[in-house]
C-alpha atoms as a PDB file:
ATOM      1  CA  MET A   1     117.079 101.073 129.387  1.00  0.00           C
ATOM      2  CA  LEU A   2     120.630 101.312 128.460  1.00  0.00           C
ATOM      3  CA  SER A   3     122.810 104.157 129.814  1.00  0.00           C
ATOM      4  CA  SER A   4     124.378 106.304 127.213  1.00  0.00           C
ATOM      5  CA  TYR A   5     127.892 105.012 128.427  1.00  0.00           C
ATOM      6  CA  SER A   6     126.846 101.677 127.709  1.00  0.00           C
ATOM      7  CA  LEU A   7     125.747 102.591 124.231  1.00  0.00           C
ATOM      8  CA  ILE A   8     129.018 103.963 123.057  1.00  0.00           C
ATOM      9  CA  GLY A   9     130.484 100.690 123.029  1.00  0.00           C
ATOM     10  CA  GLU A  10     127.647  98.674 122.272  1.00  0.00           C
ATOM     11  CA  HIS A  11     128.110  96.683 118.888  1.00  0.00           C
ATOM     12  CA  GLY A  12     131.032  98.686 118.381  1.00  0.00           C
ATOM     13  CA  ALA A  13     129.042 101.892 117.884  1.00  0.00           C
ATOM     14  CA  VAL A  14     131.451 104.428 118.924  1.00  0.00           C
ATOM     15  CA  TRP A  15     134.045 102.846 116.393  1.00  0.00           C
ATOM     16  CA  LEU A  16     131.745 102.671 113.540  1.00  0.00           C
ATOM     17  CA  ALA A  17     130.955 106.429 114.050  1.00  0.00           C
ATOM     18  CA  ILE A  18     134.728 107.165 114.147  1.00  0.00           C
ATOM     19  CA  GLY A  19     135.353 105.170 111.184  1.00  0.00           C
ATOM     20  CA  GLY A  20     132.432 106.722 109.271  1.00  0.00           C
ATOM     21  CA  THR A  21     133.545 110.296 110.082  1.00  0.00           C
ATOM     22  CA  GLY A  22     137.067 109.447 109.177  1.00  0.00           C
ATOM     23  CA  LEU A  23     135.872 108.104 105.912  1.00  0.00           C
ATOM     24  CA  ALA A  24     133.575 110.942 105.086  1.00  0.00           C
ATOM     25  CA  LEU A  25     136.096 113.610 105.967  1.00  0.00           C
ATOM     26  CA  SER A  26     139.295 112.014 104.255  1.00  0.00           C
ATOM     27  CA  HIS A  27     140.299 113.207 100.737  1.00  0.00           C
ATOM     28  CA  SER A  28     142.938 110.738  99.773  1.00  0.00           C
ATOM     29  CA  ARG A  29     142.000 107.635  98.381  1.00  0.00           C
ATOM     30  CA  GLU A  30     144.545 105.663 100.654  1.00  0.00           C
ATOM     31  CA  ARG A  31     143.158 107.216 103.893  1.00  0.00           C
ATOM     32  CA  ARG A  32     139.545 106.396 102.701  1.00  0.00           C
ATOM     33  CA  GLU A  33     140.358 102.610 102.242  1.00  0.00           C
ATOM     34  CA  ALA A  34     142.248 102.740 105.585  1.00  0.00           C
ATOM     35  CA  TRP A  35     139.221 103.929 107.426  1.00  0.00           C
ATOM     36  CA  ALA A  36     137.074 101.525 105.280  1.00  0.00           C
ATOM     37  CA  ASP A  37     139.243  98.620 106.516  1.00  0.00           C
ATOM     38  CA  GLY A  38     138.741  99.756 110.161  1.00  0.00           C
ATOM     39  CA  LEU A  39     135.170  99.713 109.576  1.00  0.00           C
ATOM     40  CA  ASP A  40     135.244  96.273 108.187  1.00  0.00           C
ATOM     41  CA  ALA A  41     137.488  94.970 110.877  1.00  0.00           C
ATOM     42  CA  THR A  42     135.098  96.308 113.522  1.00  0.00           C
ATOM     43  CA  LEU A  43     132.157  94.396 111.976  1.00  0.00           C
ATOM     44  CA  CYS A  44     134.302  91.170 111.500  1.00  0.00           C
ATOM     45  CA  ALA A  45     135.366  91.522 115.268  1.00  0.00           C
ATOM     46  CA  TYR A  46     131.630  91.989 116.307  1.00  0.00           C
ATOM     47  CA  ALA A  47     130.486  88.876 114.238  1.00  0.00           C
ATOM     48  CA  LEU A  48     133.385  86.682 115.573  1.00  0.00           C
ATOM     49  CA  ASN A  49     132.749  87.820 118.969  1.00  0.00           C
ATOM     50  CA  VAL A  50     129.154  87.094 118.837  1.00  0.00           C
ATOM     51  CA  ALA A  51     129.728  83.444 117.345  1.00  0.00           C
ATOM     52  CA  ILE A  52     132.366  82.746 120.102  1.00  0.00           C
ATOM     53  CA  LYS A  53     129.907  84.174 122.801  1.00  0.00           C
ATOM     54  CA  GLN A  54     127.109  81.797 121.241  1.00  0.00           C
ATOM     55  CA  THR A  55     129.359  78.736 121.434  1.00  0.00           C
ATOM     56  CA  VAL A  56     130.819  79.322 124.800  1.00  0.00           C
ATOM     57  CA  ARG A  57     127.767  80.530 126.440  1.00  0.00           C
ATOM     58  CA  ARG A  58     129.456  81.888 129.638  1.00  0.00           C
ATOM     59  CA  PRO A  59     127.108  83.763 131.617  1.00  0.00           C
ATOM     60  CA  ARG A  60     127.941  87.072 133.023  1.00  0.00           C
ATOM     61  CA  PRO A  61     129.220  87.454 136.622  1.00  0.00           C
ATOM     62  CA  GLN A  62     126.609  87.767 139.374  1.00  0.00           C
ATOM     63  CA  THR A  63     127.137  88.770 143.066  1.00  0.00           C
ATOM     64  CA  VAL A  64     124.442  88.238 145.318  1.00  0.00           C
ATOM     65  CA  GLY A  65     122.906  91.707 146.504  1.00  0.00           C
ATOM     66  CA  VAL A  66     125.069  93.477 143.980  1.00  0.00           C
ATOM     67  CA  GLU A  67     123.518  94.747 140.640  1.00  0.00           C
ATOM     68  CA  PRO A  68     125.738  95.574 137.765  1.00  0.00           C
ATOM     69  CA  LEU A  69     126.292  99.369 137.207  1.00  0.00           C
ATOM     70  CA  THR A  70     125.101  99.158 133.585  1.00  0.00           C
ATOM     71  CA  PRO A  71     122.466  97.182 131.803  1.00  0.00           C
ATOM     72  CA  VAL A  72     123.409  94.701 129.158  1.00  0.00           C
ATOM     73  CA  ILE A  73     121.822  93.250 125.937  1.00  0.00           C
ATOM     74  CA  SER A  74     122.937  89.793 126.370  1.00  0.00           C
ATOM     75  CA  LYS A  75     123.304  87.452 129.263  1.00  0.00           C
ATOM     76  CA  LEU A  76     126.216  86.008 127.772  1.00  0.00           C
ATOM     77  CA  SER A  77     129.760  87.177 128.914  1.00  0.00           C
ATOM     78  CA  PHE A  78     132.732  85.599 126.938  1.00  0.00           C
ATOM     79  CA  PRO A  79     134.710  87.343 125.315  1.00  0.00           C
ATOM     80  CA  SER A  80     133.709  90.996 125.614  1.00  0.00           C
ATOM     81  CA  THR A  81     132.318  92.380 122.650  1.00  0.00           C
ATOM     82  CA  HIS A  82     133.392  96.071 123.702  1.00  0.00           C
ATOM     83  CA  SER A  83     137.171  94.844 123.907  1.00  0.00           C
ATOM     84  CA  ALA A  84     137.024  92.945 120.645  1.00  0.00           C
ATOM     85  CA  THR A  85     135.622  95.890 118.618  1.00  0.00           C
ATOM     86  CA  SER A  86     137.700  98.405 120.302  1.00  0.00           C
ATOM     87  CA  PHE A  87     141.057  96.683 119.807  1.00  0.00           C
ATOM     88  CA  ALA A  88     140.259  95.771 116.113  1.00  0.00           C
ATOM     89  CA  ALA A  89     139.217  99.332 115.382  1.00  0.00           C
ATOM     90  CA  ALA A  90     142.038 100.776 117.162  1.00  0.00           C
ATOM     91  CA  GLY A  91     144.425  98.642 115.498  1.00  0.00           C
ATOM     92  CA  VAL A  92     143.350  99.376 111.959  1.00  0.00           C
ATOM     93  CA  TYR A  93     142.302 102.936 112.341  1.00  0.00           C
ATOM     94  CA  ALA A  94     145.813 103.636 113.694  1.00  0.00           C
ATOM     95  CA  ARG A  95     146.714 103.045 110.033  1.00  0.00           C
ATOM     96  CA  ALA A  96     144.306 105.551 108.663  1.00  0.00           C
ATOM     97  CA  LEU A  97     145.538 108.285 111.111  1.00  0.00           C
ATOM     98  CA  PRO A  98     148.984 107.466 112.700  1.00  0.00           C
ATOM     99  CA  ARG A  99     149.197 110.516 115.169  1.00  0.00           C
ATOM    100  CA  ALA A 100     146.072 109.406 116.887  1.00  0.00           C
ATOM    101  CA  THR A 101     147.156 105.903 117.393  1.00  0.00           C
ATOM    102  CA  PRO A 102     147.692 106.717 121.298  1.00  0.00           C
ATOM    103  CA  ILE A 103     144.195 108.161 121.528  1.00  0.00           C
ATOM    104  CA  PHE A 104     142.622 105.024 119.757  1.00  0.00           C
ATOM    105  CA  TYR A 105     144.450 102.819 121.968  1.00  0.00           C
ATOM    106  CA  ALA A 106     143.318 104.886 125.337  1.00  0.00           C
ATOM    107  CA  LEU A 107     139.662 104.865 124.230  1.00  0.00           C
ATOM    108  CA  ALA A 108     140.017 101.104 123.470  1.00  0.00           C
ATOM    109  CA  GLY A 109     141.690 100.461 126.864  1.00  0.00           C
ATOM    110  CA  THR A 110     139.110 102.433 128.854  1.00  0.00           C
ATOM    111  CA  LEU A 111     136.198 100.829 127.191  1.00  0.00           C
ATOM    112  CA  ALA A 112     137.584  97.485 127.861  1.00  0.00           C
ATOM    113  CA  ALA A 113     138.751  98.277 131.459  1.00  0.00           C
ATOM    114  CA  SER A 114     135.250  99.544 132.382  1.00  0.00           C
ATOM    115  CA  ARG A 115     133.447  96.445 131.697  1.00  0.00           C
ATOM    116  CA  PRO A 116     134.654  94.442 134.995  1.00  0.00           C
ATOM    117  CA  VAL A 117     134.272  97.772 136.971  1.00  0.00           C
ATOM    118  CA  LEU A 118     130.728  98.173 135.833  1.00  0.00           C
ATOM    119  CA  GLY A 119     130.292  94.374 136.922  1.00  0.00           C
ATOM    120  CA  VAL A 120     129.354  92.828 133.556  1.00  0.00           C
ATOM    121  CA  HIS A 121     132.508  91.052 132.854  1.00  0.00           C
ATOM    122  CA  TYR A 122     135.227  88.978 134.250  1.00  0.00           C
ATOM    123  CA  PRO A 123     138.620  90.193 133.574  1.00  0.00           C
ATOM    124  CA  SER A 124     139.311  87.368 131.334  1.00  0.00           C
ATOM    125  CA  ASP A 125     136.414  88.190 129.117  1.00  0.00           C
ATOM    126  CA  VAL A 126     137.903  91.550 128.507  1.00  0.00           C
ATOM    127  CA  LEU A 127     141.425  89.854 128.005  1.00  0.00           C
ATOM    128  CA  ALA A 128     140.048  87.465 125.487  1.00  0.00           C
ATOM    129  CA  GLY A 129     138.015  90.109 123.590  1.00  0.00           C
ATOM    130  CA  ALA A 130     141.180  92.334 123.459  1.00  0.00           C
ATOM    131  CA  ALA A 131     143.222  89.437 122.128  1.00  0.00           C
ATOM    132  CA  LEU A 132     140.746  88.733 119.562  1.00  0.00           C
ATOM    133  CA  GLY A 133     140.427  92.363 118.415  1.00  0.00           C
ATOM    134  CA  SER A 134     144.268  92.829 118.368  1.00  0.00           C
ATOM    135  CA  VAL A 135     144.767  89.426 116.277  1.00  0.00           C
ATOM    136  CA  ILE A 136     141.930  90.711 113.666  1.00  0.00           C
ATOM    137  CA  ALA A 137     143.750  94.080 113.433  1.00  0.00           C
ATOM    138  CA  LYS A 138     147.117  92.366 113.117  1.00  0.00           C
ATOM    139  CA  LEU A 139     145.891  90.104 110.222  1.00  0.00           C
ATOM    140  CA  TRP A 140     143.723  92.637 108.592  1.00  0.00           C
ATOM    141  CA  PRO A 141     144.877  93.118 104.907  1.00  0.00           C
ATOM    142  CA  ARG A 142     146.602  96.475 104.421  1.00  0.00           C
END
C-alpha cells in the first residue's frame, strides 16, 4: 500500500489538483489559460518522463538490509517523475499566479529532495527529472 506522502507526488497528482483548483477558481480568461497550460505541461512531463524511464530502465537504488521508506509503483528510477512533474508544473503555474512562485518552487524542491532521502532515487535521477521539468516549463508556449 502506498503512503499518503508518496501519493501526493505520484503521477503529478498534487500538481494536477493545484492546476484544477486554479482553473476552477479563476475568473479571467488569461489566468484560466495559464492554469490549463500548467495542467498540460504536467501531463507532458509525466509522459516524457515515463518514455525516458522505459528507455533507460535504470533500477532503483537498493541497499542490502535497508528498505526504502516509501513504496513505489515502478522498479525504474531514472529520471524521477516526482521531480519532472513538479518542476514543469511550478514553472508554468508561476505564470498563472506569479505571487505564488516561491511556494510552487518550494513544494517542487521538497518533493524532489524527498526522493533520495526516502531511498527510492539516486540524486542524479532527481536532478535529471528537475532538468526535464524545467526545460518543459521554459519551452511551454505562453
